[in-house]
N, C-alpha and C. Protein backbone atom coordinates (compact mmCIF):
# COMPACT_ATOMS: atom_id res chain seq x y z
N UNK A 1 4.52 14.05 -13.50
CA UNK A 1 5.01 12.68 -13.39
C UNK A 1 5.48 12.21 -14.77
N UNK A 2 6.60 11.53 -14.79
CA UNK A 2 7.13 11.00 -16.04
C UNK A 2 6.24 9.89 -16.58
N UNK A 3 6.17 9.79 -17.91
CA UNK A 3 5.49 8.65 -18.53
C UNK A 3 6.52 7.55 -18.73
N UNK A 4 6.28 6.41 -18.10
CA UNK A 4 7.31 5.37 -18.05
C UNK A 4 6.91 4.07 -18.74
N UNK A 5 5.69 4.03 -19.27
CA UNK A 5 5.25 2.80 -19.90
C UNK A 5 6.01 2.58 -21.19
N UNK A 6 6.16 1.37 -21.67
CA UNK A 6 5.50 0.17 -21.18
C UNK A 6 6.33 -0.65 -20.19
N UNK A 7 7.40 -0.08 -19.63
CA UNK A 7 8.28 -0.83 -18.73
C UNK A 7 7.54 -1.25 -17.46
N UNK A 8 7.63 -2.53 -17.10
CA UNK A 8 7.05 -3.02 -15.85
C UNK A 8 8.14 -3.04 -14.78
N UNK A 9 7.90 -2.30 -13.73
CA UNK A 9 8.89 -2.19 -12.66
C UNK A 9 8.66 -3.25 -11.60
N UNK A 10 9.74 -3.62 -10.94
CA UNK A 10 9.65 -4.38 -9.71
C UNK A 10 10.73 -3.83 -8.78
N UNK A 11 10.54 -4.05 -7.50
CA UNK A 11 11.44 -3.52 -6.48
C UNK A 11 12.00 -4.68 -5.68
N UNK A 12 13.30 -4.65 -5.44
CA UNK A 12 13.93 -5.67 -4.63
C UNK A 12 14.56 -5.02 -3.41
N UNK A 13 14.29 -5.58 -2.24
CA UNK A 13 14.93 -5.14 -1.01
C UNK A 13 15.73 -6.31 -0.45
N UNK A 14 16.28 -6.14 0.72
CA UNK A 14 17.07 -7.22 1.31
C UNK A 14 16.26 -8.51 1.45
N UNK A 15 14.97 -8.37 1.85
CA UNK A 15 14.17 -9.57 2.14
C UNK A 15 12.97 -9.75 1.23
N UNK A 16 12.67 -8.76 0.39
CA UNK A 16 11.43 -8.78 -0.38
C UNK A 16 11.67 -8.57 -1.87
N UNK A 17 10.78 -9.15 -2.65
CA UNK A 17 10.64 -8.83 -4.07
C UNK A 17 9.22 -8.33 -4.27
N UNK A 18 9.08 -7.10 -4.72
CA UNK A 18 7.78 -6.53 -5.06
C UNK A 18 7.65 -6.64 -6.56
N UNK A 19 6.69 -7.45 -7.02
CA UNK A 19 6.65 -7.87 -8.43
C UNK A 19 5.21 -7.90 -8.94
N UNK A 20 5.10 -8.17 -10.24
CA UNK A 20 3.79 -8.35 -10.86
C UNK A 20 3.10 -9.58 -10.28
N UNK A 21 1.77 -9.51 -10.22
CA UNK A 21 0.97 -10.61 -9.68
C UNK A 21 0.99 -11.82 -10.62
N UNK A 22 0.91 -13.01 -10.01
CA UNK A 22 0.82 -14.27 -10.74
C UNK A 22 -0.46 -14.98 -10.31
N UNK A 23 -1.04 -15.82 -11.17
CA UNK A 23 -2.26 -16.54 -10.79
C UNK A 23 -2.12 -17.32 -9.48
N UNK A 24 -0.92 -17.81 -9.20
CA UNK A 24 -0.71 -18.59 -7.97
C UNK A 24 -0.81 -17.74 -6.71
N UNK A 25 -0.76 -16.41 -6.85
CA UNK A 25 -0.89 -15.52 -5.69
C UNK A 25 -2.34 -15.39 -5.23
N UNK A 26 -3.28 -15.62 -6.13
CA UNK A 26 -4.68 -15.32 -5.84
C UNK A 26 -5.24 -16.08 -4.65
N UNK A 27 -5.01 -17.42 -4.53
CA UNK A 27 -5.57 -18.14 -3.38
C UNK A 27 -5.00 -17.64 -2.04
N UNK A 28 -3.70 -17.36 -2.01
CA UNK A 28 -3.09 -16.86 -0.77
C UNK A 28 -3.64 -15.47 -0.43
N UNK A 29 -3.88 -14.65 -1.45
CA UNK A 29 -4.44 -13.32 -1.22
C UNK A 29 -5.86 -13.44 -0.68
N UNK A 30 -6.62 -14.39 -1.19
CA UNK A 30 -7.98 -14.60 -0.69
C UNK A 30 -7.96 -15.01 0.78
N UNK A 31 -6.98 -15.81 1.17
CA UNK A 31 -6.85 -16.19 2.58
C UNK A 31 -6.56 -14.96 3.44
N UNK A 32 -5.67 -14.10 2.97
CA UNK A 32 -5.34 -12.87 3.71
C UNK A 32 -6.59 -12.02 3.88
N UNK A 33 -7.37 -11.89 2.80
CA UNK A 33 -8.56 -11.02 2.82
C UNK A 33 -9.71 -11.61 3.63
N UNK A 34 -9.61 -12.88 4.01
CA UNK A 34 -10.65 -13.50 4.82
C UNK A 34 -10.24 -13.60 6.29
N UNK A 35 -9.05 -13.07 6.62
CA UNK A 35 -8.52 -13.13 7.99
C UNK A 35 -9.13 -12.01 8.83
N UNK A 36 -9.76 -12.38 9.94
CA UNK A 36 -10.42 -11.39 10.81
C UNK A 36 -9.46 -10.29 11.26
N UNK A 37 -8.24 -10.68 11.64
CA UNK A 37 -7.31 -9.70 12.20
C UNK A 37 -6.75 -8.78 11.11
N UNK A 38 -6.41 -9.36 9.96
CA UNK A 38 -5.91 -8.55 8.84
C UNK A 38 -6.95 -7.50 8.42
N UNK A 39 -8.21 -7.91 8.41
CA UNK A 39 -9.27 -7.06 7.89
C UNK A 39 -10.00 -6.27 8.99
N UNK A 40 -9.45 -6.25 10.16
CA UNK A 40 -10.12 -5.60 11.31
C UNK A 40 -10.47 -4.14 11.01
N UNK A 41 -9.62 -3.41 10.30
CA UNK A 41 -9.86 -1.99 10.06
C UNK A 41 -10.38 -1.71 8.65
N UNK A 42 -10.99 -2.72 8.06
CA UNK A 42 -11.68 -2.56 6.78
C UNK A 42 -13.15 -2.82 7.01
N UNK A 43 -14.02 -2.30 6.14
CA UNK A 43 -15.46 -2.46 6.37
C UNK A 43 -15.92 -3.91 6.46
N UNK A 44 -15.25 -4.81 5.71
CA UNK A 44 -15.66 -6.22 5.73
C UNK A 44 -14.53 -7.08 5.19
N UNK A 45 -14.56 -8.35 5.59
CA UNK A 45 -13.65 -9.31 4.97
C UNK A 45 -14.12 -9.54 3.53
N UNK A 46 -13.23 -10.12 2.72
CA UNK A 46 -13.58 -10.40 1.33
C UNK A 46 -13.66 -11.90 1.11
N UNK A 47 -14.68 -12.31 0.38
CA UNK A 47 -14.76 -13.71 -0.06
C UNK A 47 -13.76 -13.92 -1.20
N UNK A 48 -13.55 -15.16 -1.57
CA UNK A 48 -12.66 -15.44 -2.70
C UNK A 48 -13.19 -14.78 -3.98
N UNK A 49 -14.52 -14.75 -4.13
CA UNK A 49 -15.14 -14.13 -5.31
C UNK A 49 -14.95 -12.61 -5.32
N UNK A 50 -14.72 -12.02 -4.17
CA UNK A 50 -14.42 -10.58 -4.09
C UNK A 50 -12.92 -10.30 -4.15
N UNK A 51 -12.15 -11.20 -3.59
CA UNK A 51 -10.70 -11.02 -3.52
C UNK A 51 -10.03 -11.19 -4.88
N UNK A 52 -10.46 -12.20 -5.64
CA UNK A 52 -9.81 -12.47 -6.93
C UNK A 52 -9.90 -11.29 -7.90
N UNK A 53 -11.06 -10.64 -8.04
CA UNK A 53 -11.10 -9.47 -8.92
C UNK A 53 -10.21 -8.32 -8.43
N UNK A 54 -10.06 -8.19 -7.11
CA UNK A 54 -9.15 -7.16 -6.59
C UNK A 54 -7.71 -7.45 -7.00
N UNK A 55 -7.30 -8.72 -6.86
CA UNK A 55 -5.96 -9.11 -7.27
C UNK A 55 -5.78 -8.89 -8.78
N UNK A 56 -6.80 -9.20 -9.55
CA UNK A 56 -6.72 -9.01 -11.00
C UNK A 56 -6.60 -7.52 -11.34
N UNK A 57 -7.33 -6.67 -10.60
CA UNK A 57 -7.21 -5.21 -10.82
C UNK A 57 -5.80 -4.72 -10.52
N UNK A 58 -5.22 -5.24 -9.42
CA UNK A 58 -3.84 -4.87 -9.10
C UNK A 58 -2.91 -5.26 -10.24
N UNK A 59 -3.08 -6.46 -10.76
CA UNK A 59 -2.29 -6.94 -11.90
C UNK A 59 -2.48 -6.03 -13.10
N UNK A 60 -3.73 -5.74 -13.43
CA UNK A 60 -4.03 -4.97 -14.64
C UNK A 60 -3.50 -3.54 -14.56
N UNK A 61 -3.58 -2.94 -13.38
CA UNK A 61 -3.06 -1.57 -13.22
C UNK A 61 -1.55 -1.53 -13.38
N UNK A 62 -0.86 -2.57 -12.91
CA UNK A 62 0.59 -2.64 -13.12
C UNK A 62 0.89 -2.79 -14.61
N UNK A 63 0.08 -3.60 -15.30
CA UNK A 63 0.26 -3.75 -16.75
C UNK A 63 0.09 -2.41 -17.46
N UNK A 64 -0.86 -1.59 -17.00
CA UNK A 64 -1.14 -0.31 -17.64
C UNK A 64 -0.09 0.75 -17.32
N UNK A 65 0.34 0.81 -16.04
CA UNK A 65 1.20 1.92 -15.58
C UNK A 65 2.65 1.53 -15.41
N UNK A 66 2.89 0.23 -15.20
CA UNK A 66 4.24 -0.21 -14.89
C UNK A 66 4.50 -0.34 -13.40
N UNK A 67 3.58 0.17 -12.59
CA UNK A 67 3.71 0.14 -11.13
C UNK A 67 2.32 0.08 -10.51
N UNK A 68 2.26 -0.20 -9.22
CA UNK A 68 0.98 -0.29 -8.54
C UNK A 68 1.13 -0.96 -7.19
N UNK A 69 0.08 -1.64 -6.75
CA UNK A 69 0.16 -2.46 -5.55
C UNK A 69 0.80 -3.78 -5.97
N UNK A 70 2.12 -3.87 -5.78
CA UNK A 70 2.84 -5.07 -6.21
C UNK A 70 2.58 -6.25 -5.27
N UNK A 71 2.64 -7.44 -5.82
CA UNK A 71 2.65 -8.65 -5.00
C UNK A 71 3.97 -8.67 -4.23
N UNK A 72 3.89 -8.91 -2.93
CA UNK A 72 5.08 -8.96 -2.08
C UNK A 72 5.48 -10.42 -1.87
N UNK A 73 6.69 -10.73 -2.28
CA UNK A 73 7.22 -12.09 -2.17
C UNK A 73 8.41 -12.07 -1.23
N UNK A 74 8.38 -12.94 -0.23
CA UNK A 74 9.50 -13.08 0.69
C UNK A 74 10.61 -13.84 -0.03
N UNK A 75 11.78 -13.26 -0.13
CA UNK A 75 12.84 -13.86 -0.94
C UNK A 75 13.34 -15.18 -0.37
N UNK A 76 13.43 -15.30 0.94
CA UNK A 76 14.01 -16.50 1.54
C UNK A 76 13.15 -17.75 1.28
N UNK A 77 11.83 -17.56 1.24
CA UNK A 77 10.93 -18.70 1.06
C UNK A 77 10.23 -18.70 -0.30
N UNK A 78 10.35 -17.60 -1.05
CA UNK A 78 9.62 -17.38 -2.30
C UNK A 78 8.11 -17.34 -2.10
N UNK A 79 7.66 -17.15 -0.84
CA UNK A 79 6.23 -17.15 -0.53
C UNK A 79 5.62 -15.78 -0.79
N UNK A 80 4.41 -15.78 -1.36
CA UNK A 80 3.60 -14.57 -1.48
C UNK A 80 3.07 -14.23 -0.09
N UNK A 81 3.25 -12.96 0.34
CA UNK A 81 2.81 -12.59 1.69
C UNK A 81 1.83 -11.41 1.69
N UNK A 82 1.42 -10.91 0.50
CA UNK A 82 0.47 -9.80 0.45
C UNK A 82 0.87 -8.81 -0.62
N UNK A 83 0.55 -7.53 -0.39
CA UNK A 83 0.95 -6.51 -1.35
C UNK A 83 1.54 -5.30 -0.64
N UNK A 84 2.40 -4.60 -1.37
CA UNK A 84 2.98 -3.31 -0.97
C UNK A 84 3.13 -2.51 -2.25
N UNK A 85 2.77 -1.24 -2.22
CA UNK A 85 2.99 -0.45 -3.42
C UNK A 85 2.24 0.86 -3.44
N UNK A 86 2.01 1.32 -4.65
CA UNK A 86 1.42 2.64 -4.91
C UNK A 86 0.11 2.48 -5.66
N UNK A 87 -0.79 3.44 -5.43
CA UNK A 87 -2.11 3.37 -6.06
C UNK A 87 -2.66 4.79 -6.22
N UNK A 88 -3.40 5.01 -7.30
CA UNK A 88 -4.15 6.26 -7.47
C UNK A 88 -5.58 5.97 -7.03
N UNK A 89 -6.01 6.53 -5.90
CA UNK A 89 -7.36 6.21 -5.40
C UNK A 89 -8.46 6.61 -6.38
N UNK A 90 -9.49 5.77 -6.45
CA UNK A 90 -10.64 6.06 -7.30
C UNK A 90 -11.56 7.08 -6.62
N UNK A 91 -11.70 6.95 -5.31
CA UNK A 91 -12.59 7.85 -4.56
C UNK A 91 -12.08 9.29 -4.64
N UNK A 92 -13.01 10.24 -4.71
CA UNK A 92 -12.66 11.67 -4.68
C UNK A 92 -12.37 12.06 -3.24
N UNK A 93 -11.11 12.09 -2.90
CA UNK A 93 -10.69 12.42 -1.54
C UNK A 93 -10.44 13.93 -1.43
N UNK A 94 -10.48 14.48 -0.21
CA UNK A 94 -10.29 15.92 -0.05
C UNK A 94 -8.94 16.42 -0.58
N UNK A 95 -7.97 15.50 -0.72
CA UNK A 95 -6.63 15.88 -1.17
C UNK A 95 -6.31 15.29 -2.55
N UNK A 96 -7.34 14.87 -3.28
CA UNK A 96 -7.16 14.37 -4.65
C UNK A 96 -6.81 15.54 -5.57
N UNK A 97 -6.06 15.27 -6.67
CA UNK A 97 -5.48 13.99 -7.07
C UNK A 97 -4.27 13.64 -6.21
N UNK A 98 -4.04 12.36 -6.03
CA UNK A 98 -2.94 11.93 -5.17
C UNK A 98 -2.50 10.52 -5.57
N UNK A 99 -1.34 10.13 -5.07
CA UNK A 99 -0.87 8.75 -5.14
C UNK A 99 -0.67 8.30 -3.71
N UNK A 100 -1.27 7.16 -3.37
CA UNK A 100 -1.14 6.63 -2.01
C UNK A 100 -0.16 5.48 -1.98
N UNK A 101 0.46 5.29 -0.84
CA UNK A 101 1.25 4.10 -0.57
C UNK A 101 0.43 3.22 0.36
N UNK A 102 0.45 1.91 0.11
CA UNK A 102 -0.34 1.01 0.92
C UNK A 102 0.29 -0.35 1.02
N UNK A 103 -0.22 -1.14 1.96
CA UNK A 103 0.29 -2.49 2.20
C UNK A 103 -0.80 -3.31 2.86
N UNK A 104 -0.75 -4.60 2.63
CA UNK A 104 -1.62 -5.57 3.31
C UNK A 104 -0.86 -6.89 3.32
N UNK A 105 -0.44 -7.30 4.50
CA UNK A 105 0.37 -8.51 4.62
C UNK A 105 -0.33 -9.57 5.45
N UNK A 106 -0.01 -10.81 5.17
CA UNK A 106 -0.51 -11.93 5.96
C UNK A 106 -0.02 -11.80 7.40
N UNK A 107 -0.84 -12.26 8.32
CA UNK A 107 -0.50 -12.14 9.74
C UNK A 107 0.87 -12.72 10.08
N UNK A 108 1.23 -13.84 9.47
CA UNK A 108 2.51 -14.47 9.80
C UNK A 108 3.71 -13.61 9.39
N UNK A 109 3.46 -12.58 8.56
CA UNK A 109 4.54 -11.69 8.13
C UNK A 109 4.61 -10.41 8.97
N UNK A 110 3.72 -10.28 9.95
CA UNK A 110 3.71 -9.09 10.79
C UNK A 110 4.86 -9.13 11.80
N UNK A 111 5.21 -7.93 12.29
CA UNK A 111 6.15 -7.80 13.39
C UNK A 111 7.60 -8.05 13.02
N UNK A 112 7.91 -8.08 11.73
CA UNK A 112 9.28 -8.33 11.27
C UNK A 112 9.87 -7.14 10.52
N UNK A 113 9.10 -6.06 10.42
CA UNK A 113 9.58 -4.88 9.70
C UNK A 113 9.46 -5.00 8.19
N UNK A 114 8.73 -6.00 7.71
CA UNK A 114 8.64 -6.20 6.26
C UNK A 114 7.82 -5.11 5.58
N UNK A 115 6.72 -4.69 6.20
CA UNK A 115 5.91 -3.61 5.60
C UNK A 115 6.74 -2.34 5.50
N UNK A 116 7.47 -2.02 6.56
CA UNK A 116 8.30 -0.81 6.54
C UNK A 116 9.41 -0.92 5.50
N UNK A 117 10.05 -2.08 5.43
CA UNK A 117 11.13 -2.29 4.46
C UNK A 117 10.63 -2.12 3.02
N UNK A 118 9.52 -2.77 2.72
CA UNK A 118 8.97 -2.66 1.37
C UNK A 118 8.44 -1.27 1.06
N UNK A 119 7.78 -0.65 2.04
CA UNK A 119 7.22 0.68 1.82
C UNK A 119 8.31 1.73 1.68
N UNK A 120 9.40 1.60 2.43
CA UNK A 120 10.51 2.55 2.30
C UNK A 120 11.11 2.50 0.90
N UNK A 121 11.29 1.29 0.36
CA UNK A 121 11.80 1.15 -1.00
C UNK A 121 10.79 1.68 -2.02
N UNK A 122 9.50 1.53 -1.71
CA UNK A 122 8.46 2.05 -2.59
C UNK A 122 8.47 3.57 -2.61
N UNK A 123 8.68 4.20 -1.46
CA UNK A 123 8.79 5.67 -1.43
C UNK A 123 9.99 6.14 -2.25
N UNK A 124 11.10 5.45 -2.11
CA UNK A 124 12.29 5.81 -2.88
C UNK A 124 11.99 5.71 -4.38
N UNK A 125 11.29 4.67 -4.79
CA UNK A 125 10.88 4.50 -6.19
C UNK A 125 9.96 5.65 -6.61
N UNK A 126 9.00 5.98 -5.76
CA UNK A 126 8.03 7.04 -6.09
C UNK A 126 8.72 8.37 -6.34
N UNK A 127 9.68 8.70 -5.52
CA UNK A 127 10.34 10.00 -5.65
C UNK A 127 11.47 9.98 -6.68
N UNK A 128 12.26 8.92 -6.72
CA UNK A 128 13.45 8.92 -7.58
C UNK A 128 13.18 8.42 -8.99
N UNK A 129 12.23 7.50 -9.15
CA UNK A 129 11.94 6.95 -10.48
C UNK A 129 10.72 7.62 -11.11
N UNK A 130 9.64 7.75 -10.35
CA UNK A 130 8.42 8.36 -10.89
C UNK A 130 8.42 9.88 -10.77
N UNK A 131 9.35 10.43 -9.98
CA UNK A 131 9.44 11.88 -9.76
C UNK A 131 8.15 12.46 -9.19
N UNK A 132 7.48 11.71 -8.32
CA UNK A 132 6.28 12.22 -7.68
C UNK A 132 6.68 13.28 -6.65
N UNK A 133 5.91 14.37 -6.54
CA UNK A 133 6.23 15.38 -5.53
C UNK A 133 5.80 14.97 -4.13
N UNK A 134 4.76 14.13 -4.04
CA UNK A 134 4.22 13.75 -2.75
C UNK A 134 3.57 12.38 -2.84
N UNK A 135 3.60 11.65 -1.74
CA UNK A 135 2.89 10.39 -1.59
C UNK A 135 2.12 10.47 -0.27
N UNK A 136 0.89 9.99 -0.28
CA UNK A 136 0.07 10.02 0.94
C UNK A 136 -0.20 8.60 1.42
N UNK A 137 -0.57 8.51 2.69
CA UNK A 137 -1.04 7.25 3.28
C UNK A 137 -2.16 7.62 4.22
N UNK A 138 -3.17 6.76 4.29
CA UNK A 138 -4.28 7.05 5.19
C UNK A 138 -4.87 5.75 5.69
N UNK A 139 -5.51 5.84 6.84
CA UNK A 139 -6.17 4.68 7.43
C UNK A 139 -7.24 5.16 8.38
N UNK A 140 -8.15 4.27 8.70
CA UNK A 140 -9.17 4.59 9.67
C UNK A 140 -8.52 4.84 11.03
N UNK A 141 -9.18 5.65 11.84
CA UNK A 141 -8.65 5.93 13.17
C UNK A 141 -8.55 4.63 13.98
N UNK A 142 -7.60 4.58 14.88
CA UNK A 142 -7.34 3.44 15.76
C UNK A 142 -6.58 2.30 15.11
N UNK A 143 -6.24 2.42 13.81
CA UNK A 143 -5.41 1.39 13.19
C UNK A 143 -3.95 1.70 13.51
N UNK A 144 -3.60 1.43 14.75
CA UNK A 144 -2.28 1.83 15.24
C UNK A 144 -1.15 1.11 14.53
N UNK A 145 -1.37 -0.14 14.15
CA UNK A 145 -0.32 -0.90 13.47
C UNK A 145 0.09 -0.23 12.15
N UNK A 146 -0.91 0.17 11.35
CA UNK A 146 -0.60 0.85 10.09
C UNK A 146 0.01 2.23 10.34
N UNK A 147 -0.52 2.92 11.33
CA UNK A 147 0.04 4.25 11.65
C UNK A 147 1.50 4.15 12.06
N UNK A 148 1.85 3.09 12.78
CA UNK A 148 3.26 2.94 13.19
C UNK A 148 4.17 2.77 11.99
N UNK A 149 3.70 2.08 10.95
CA UNK A 149 4.50 1.97 9.73
C UNK A 149 4.67 3.36 9.11
N UNK A 150 3.59 4.13 9.02
CA UNK A 150 3.67 5.49 8.46
C UNK A 150 4.66 6.34 9.26
N UNK A 151 4.65 6.19 10.57
CA UNK A 151 5.57 6.94 11.41
C UNK A 151 7.01 6.49 11.21
N UNK A 152 7.22 5.17 11.07
CA UNK A 152 8.59 4.66 10.84
C UNK A 152 9.12 5.13 9.48
N UNK A 153 8.21 5.40 8.55
CA UNK A 153 8.61 5.93 7.24
C UNK A 153 8.88 7.43 7.31
N UNK A 154 8.74 8.03 8.49
CA UNK A 154 8.94 9.47 8.70
C UNK A 154 7.95 10.30 7.89
N UNK A 155 6.76 9.74 7.64
CA UNK A 155 5.71 10.52 7.00
C UNK A 155 5.12 11.48 8.03
N UNK A 156 4.65 12.62 7.56
CA UNK A 156 4.13 13.66 8.45
C UNK A 156 2.62 13.56 8.55
N UNK A 157 2.11 13.54 9.78
CA UNK A 157 0.67 13.42 10.01
C UNK A 157 -0.01 14.77 9.89
N UNK A 158 -1.09 14.82 9.10
CA UNK A 158 -1.92 16.02 9.03
C UNK A 158 -2.66 16.20 10.35
N UNK A 159 -2.86 17.45 10.73
CA UNK A 159 -3.60 17.73 11.95
C UNK A 159 -5.08 17.35 11.81
N UNK A 160 -5.62 17.54 10.62
CA UNK A 160 -7.04 17.31 10.40
C UNK A 160 -7.30 15.89 9.90
N UNK A 161 -8.37 15.28 10.36
CA UNK A 161 -8.82 14.00 9.83
C UNK A 161 -9.78 14.28 8.67
N UNK A 162 -10.20 13.24 7.98
CA UNK A 162 -11.16 13.41 6.89
C UNK A 162 -12.14 12.24 6.89
N UNK A 163 -13.27 12.46 6.27
CA UNK A 163 -14.32 11.43 6.14
C UNK A 163 -14.14 10.74 4.79
N UNK A 164 -13.90 9.42 4.83
CA UNK A 164 -13.67 8.70 3.58
C UNK A 164 -14.99 8.57 2.82
N UNK A 165 -15.04 9.08 1.59
CA UNK A 165 -16.32 9.12 0.87
C UNK A 165 -16.85 7.75 0.44
N UNK A 166 -16.02 6.72 0.48
CA UNK A 166 -16.49 5.39 0.08
C UNK A 166 -17.32 4.73 1.18
N UNK A 167 -17.32 5.33 2.36
CA UNK A 167 -18.08 4.78 3.48
C UNK A 167 -19.25 5.71 3.81
N UNK A 168 -20.39 5.15 4.21
CA UNK A 168 -21.57 5.99 4.45
C UNK A 168 -21.43 6.83 5.72
N UNK A 169 -22.18 7.93 5.77
CA UNK A 169 -22.24 8.76 6.98
C UNK A 169 -22.56 7.89 8.18
N UNK A 170 -21.86 8.14 9.27
CA UNK A 170 -22.14 7.41 10.48
C UNK A 170 -21.40 6.10 10.62
N UNK A 171 -20.72 5.65 9.56
CA UNK A 171 -19.97 4.39 9.63
C UNK A 171 -18.81 4.55 10.61
N UNK A 172 -18.59 3.55 11.44
CA UNK A 172 -17.58 3.62 12.49
C UNK A 172 -16.17 3.83 11.95
N UNK A 173 -15.93 3.45 10.68
CA UNK A 173 -14.58 3.56 10.12
C UNK A 173 -14.45 4.72 9.13
N UNK A 174 -15.45 5.58 9.06
CA UNK A 174 -15.43 6.62 8.03
C UNK A 174 -14.34 7.67 8.28
N UNK A 175 -14.06 7.98 9.54
CA UNK A 175 -13.06 9.01 9.83
C UNK A 175 -11.66 8.42 9.68
N UNK A 176 -10.83 9.09 8.91
CA UNK A 176 -9.48 8.63 8.61
C UNK A 176 -8.44 9.68 8.99
N UNK A 177 -7.25 9.20 9.30
CA UNK A 177 -6.11 10.09 9.46
C UNK A 177 -5.28 10.05 8.17
N UNK A 178 -4.51 11.10 7.96
CA UNK A 178 -3.75 11.26 6.72
C UNK A 178 -2.29 11.55 7.06
N UNK A 179 -1.40 10.85 6.35
CA UNK A 179 0.04 11.10 6.45
C UNK A 179 0.56 11.46 5.06
N UNK A 180 1.61 12.28 5.04
CA UNK A 180 2.20 12.71 3.77
C UNK A 180 3.72 12.54 3.80
N UNK A 181 4.28 12.17 2.66
CA UNK A 181 5.73 12.19 2.45
C UNK A 181 5.98 13.06 1.23
N UNK A 182 6.93 13.96 1.34
CA UNK A 182 7.22 14.90 0.27
C UNK A 182 8.62 14.65 -0.28
N UNK A 183 8.74 14.72 -1.60
CA UNK A 183 10.06 14.58 -2.22
C UNK A 183 10.99 15.71 -1.79
N UNK A 184 10.41 16.86 -1.47
CA UNK A 184 11.21 18.02 -1.08
C UNK A 184 11.69 17.94 0.36
N UNK A 185 11.07 17.06 1.15
CA UNK A 185 11.42 16.96 2.56
C UNK A 185 12.52 15.91 2.75
N UNK A 186 13.51 16.22 3.53
CA UNK A 186 14.60 15.24 3.74
C UNK A 186 14.23 14.11 4.70
N UNK A 187 13.08 14.18 5.36
CA UNK A 187 12.82 13.23 6.45
C UNK A 187 12.75 11.79 5.98
N UNK A 188 12.17 11.54 4.80
CA UNK A 188 12.03 10.15 4.36
C UNK A 188 13.37 9.53 3.98
N UNK A 189 14.38 10.37 3.63
CA UNK A 189 15.67 9.83 3.19
C UNK A 189 16.33 8.98 4.27
N UNK A 190 16.16 9.36 5.53
CA UNK A 190 16.81 8.62 6.61
C UNK A 190 16.25 7.21 6.72
N UNK A 191 15.04 7.01 6.23
CA UNK A 191 14.42 5.69 6.31
C UNK A 191 14.91 4.77 5.19
N UNK A 192 15.07 5.31 4.00
CA UNK A 192 15.35 4.45 2.84
C UNK A 192 16.84 4.26 2.58
N UNK A 193 17.66 4.88 3.35
CA UNK A 193 19.10 4.70 3.16
C UNK A 193 19.66 3.72 4.16
């Protein structure tokens, strides 16, 4: 991977600006993280005291690397609607080291193709700017909404599932599915063009 610091990147699509976090994003992010439906496939909702440090970590990692889980801003309204971007997982996953693509949007932003639009541009950035060979995405089983985004991105699903090490044995959400996008594979190009 190329060393690109200290440049801070942002991504612009037709409807979205993926940018560095601002303090004004934190309250809206806390609302998203306290939403039952948004957090259905996560171990627990987050309080504001838990959400704010997460937003700060996203900000700090972008400061360090130039990229990360960017704040997603809807261009038409200038409203913060969540995050879309890239992350290096802390947990030792069976396929580590890796870079994952992820998203978390407010419910009112669902069903409009915004996650797919932002994630497709993020994949293009990952392969064309960062020169990453592969990007992964994963989620707990039964999270069909997230899986549909992975499928629309033409990511390839692994046959085998894995147990997420951040969750204890026996946890209902421990088993995850894995999707991959490869820079060498032409499949993702049809999505981002």
